[in-house]
Amino acid sequence: MLYTEILNDNKDFLALYKKGRYSASKYSVIYVRPNGRPFNRLGITAGKKVGNAVCRNRAKRLIRLAYRNAEVKLPVGMDIVIVARTAICSIKSQEYCGYMDKYGVNEINKMFRSFENGRKRV
């Protein structure tokens, strides 16, 4: 990933869940919050409801691939957590990549702009 580091501190995840904005879809929930750094930080989670270990790992691989493809279209300086949902296990990788390019990037940009403008809701 070009300008992204891994987000793996539990307190950062919890702060993002509590104070960040989110966008939910059929395949995933995307949480966004500015971090004030010159790079993005990405965290990916897949709970036990997603399926067994094979399904969870596949879901994380799909999310990582879609993020890598859409990374150049995203603004810099934010924390992103993408939480997998159960529907992601039954789709092909190109379908989720297409979703991320078409809707995910727009939602992330909209949420990031709302932080800059100081609005409470998206």
Protein backbone atom coordinates (compact mmCIF):
# COMPACT_ATOMS: atom_id res chain seq x y z
CA MET A 1 0.00 0.00 0.00
CA LEU A 2 1.37 3.35 -1.06
CA TYR A 3 0.67 5.73 1.79
CA THR A 4 -1.09 3.54 4.33
CA GLU A 5 0.04 1.96 7.57
CA ILE A 6 -1.64 -0.76 9.60
CA LEU A 7 -3.96 0.20 12.44
CA ASN A 8 -3.61 -2.45 15.13
CA ASP A 9 -3.97 -0.74 18.51
CA ASN A 10 -7.22 -1.61 20.29
CA LYS A 11 -7.60 1.91 21.72
CA ASP A 12 -7.46 3.35 18.18
CA PHE A 13 -10.19 0.97 17.02
CA LEU A 14 -12.38 1.88 20.00
CA ALA A 15 -11.85 5.62 19.48
CA LEU A 16 -12.79 5.25 15.84
CA TYR A 17 -15.95 3.30 16.67
CA LYS A 18 -16.93 5.91 19.27
CA LYS A 19 -15.97 9.21 17.60
CA GLY A 20 -15.75 8.38 13.91
CA ARG A 21 -18.37 8.46 11.19
CA TYR A 22 -19.56 5.30 9.49
CA SER A 23 -21.22 4.07 6.35
CA ALA A 24 -22.94 0.67 6.33
CA SER A 25 -23.59 -1.48 3.30
CA LYS A 26 -24.54 -5.06 2.53
CA TYR A 27 -20.89 -6.20 2.45
CA SER A 28 -19.11 -4.06 5.03
CA VAL A 29 -19.22 -1.14 7.45
CA ILE A 30 -16.63 1.62 6.92
CA TYR A 31 -15.59 3.83 9.85
CA VAL A 32 -13.60 7.03 9.14
CA ARG A 33 -11.91 9.63 11.33
CA PRO A 34 -9.13 12.17 10.61
CA ASN A 35 -5.81 11.37 12.28
CA GLY A 36 -3.72 14.51 11.57
CA ARG A 37 -0.86 12.52 10.06
CA PRO A 38 0.58 12.60 6.52
CA PHE A 39 -0.60 9.02 5.89
CA ASN A 40 -3.68 6.85 6.30
CA ARG A 41 -4.05 4.00 8.77
CA LEU A 42 -6.19 1.00 7.84
CA GLY A 43 -7.74 -1.59 10.13
CA ILE A 44 -9.74 -4.60 8.96
CA THR A 45 -11.94 -6.75 11.17
CA ALA A 46 -14.07 -9.82 10.56
CA GLY A 47 -15.97 -11.22 13.52
CA LYS A 48 -17.02 -14.80 14.16
CA LYS A 49 -20.45 -14.15 12.66
CA VAL A 50 -18.79 -13.83 9.24
CA GLY A 51 -18.00 -17.55 9.23
CA ASN A 52 -15.16 -19.93 9.93
CA ALA A 53 -11.49 -18.97 9.71
CA VAL A 54 -11.38 -19.57 5.96
CA CYS A 55 -14.29 -17.16 5.34
CA ARG A 56 -12.89 -14.52 7.69
CA ASN A 57 -9.46 -14.60 6.06
CA ARG A 58 -11.00 -14.44 2.57
CA ALA A 59 -13.11 -11.46 3.64
CA LYS A 60 -10.01 -9.65 4.91
CA ARG A 61 -8.14 -10.44 1.69
CA LEU A 62 -11.02 -9.05 -0.40
CA ILE A 63 -11.15 -5.87 1.66
CA ARG A 64 -7.37 -5.42 1.46
CA LEU A 65 -7.44 -5.89 -2.33
CA ALA A 66 -10.31 -3.44 -2.81
CA TYR A 67 -8.61 -0.86 -0.60
CA ARG A 68 -5.31 -1.25 -2.45
CA ASN A 69 -7.08 -0.64 -5.78
CA ALA A 70 -8.96 2.43 -4.50
CA GLU A 71 -6.17 3.90 -2.37
CA VAL A 72 -5.08 6.59 -4.84
CA LYS A 73 -8.62 8.05 -4.92
CA LEU A 74 -8.82 8.53 -1.14
CA PRO A 75 -7.79 11.62 0.84
CA VAL A 76 -4.66 11.38 3.01
CA GLY A 77 -4.64 11.79 6.79
CA MET A 78 -7.37 9.57 8.15
CA ASP A 79 -7.98 6.37 10.07
CA ILE A 80 -10.18 3.82 8.33
CA VAL A 81 -11.63 0.64 9.80
CA ILE A 82 -13.54 -1.71 7.53
CA VAL A 83 -15.69 -4.34 9.26
CA ALA A 84 -16.68 -7.33 7.13
CA ARG A 85 -20.26 -8.59 7.05
CA THR A 86 -21.47 -12.11 6.26
CA ALA A 87 -22.52 -11.31 2.67
CA ILE A 88 -18.92 -10.64 1.65
CA CYS A 89 -18.07 -14.35 1.76
CA SER A 90 -20.42 -15.23 -1.07
CA ILE A 91 -19.24 -12.71 -3.69
CA LYS A 92 -16.38 -12.60 -6.16
CA SER A 93 -13.45 -10.29 -5.61
CA GLN A 94 -14.27 -8.09 -8.62
CA GLU A 95 -17.75 -7.42 -7.25
CA TYR A 96 -16.40 -6.01 -3.98
CA CYS A 97 -13.65 -4.08 -5.79
CA GLY A 98 -16.34 -2.55 -8.00
CA TYR A 99 -18.43 -1.68 -4.96
CA MET A 100 -15.45 -0.02 -3.29
CA ASP A 101 -14.58 1.98 -6.43
CA LYS A 102 -18.14 3.09 -7.08
CA TYR A 103 -19.63 3.64 -3.62
CA GLY A 104 -16.99 3.14 -0.93
CA VAL A 105 -14.63 5.88 -2.15
CA ASN A 106 -17.49 8.36 -2.49
CA GLU A 107 -18.76 7.60 1.01
CA ILE A 108 -15.28 7.93 2.53
CA ASN A 109 -14.69 11.25 0.76
CA LYS A 110 -18.10 12.54 1.88
CA MET A 111 -17.46 11.56 5.51
CA PHE A 112 -13.98 13.11 5.43
CA ARG A 113 -15.36 16.39 4.03
CA SER A 114 -18.01 16.46 6.75
CA PHE A 115 -15.24 16.31 9.36
CA GLU A 116 -13.50 19.24 7.68
CA ASN A 117 -16.71 21.26 7.63
CA GLY A 118 -17.45 20.41 11.26
CA ARG A 119 -20.88 18.89 10.68
CA LYS A 120 -22.31 16.43 13.17
CA ARG A 121 -23.99 14.05 10.71
CA VAL A 122 -23.24 12.86 7.20
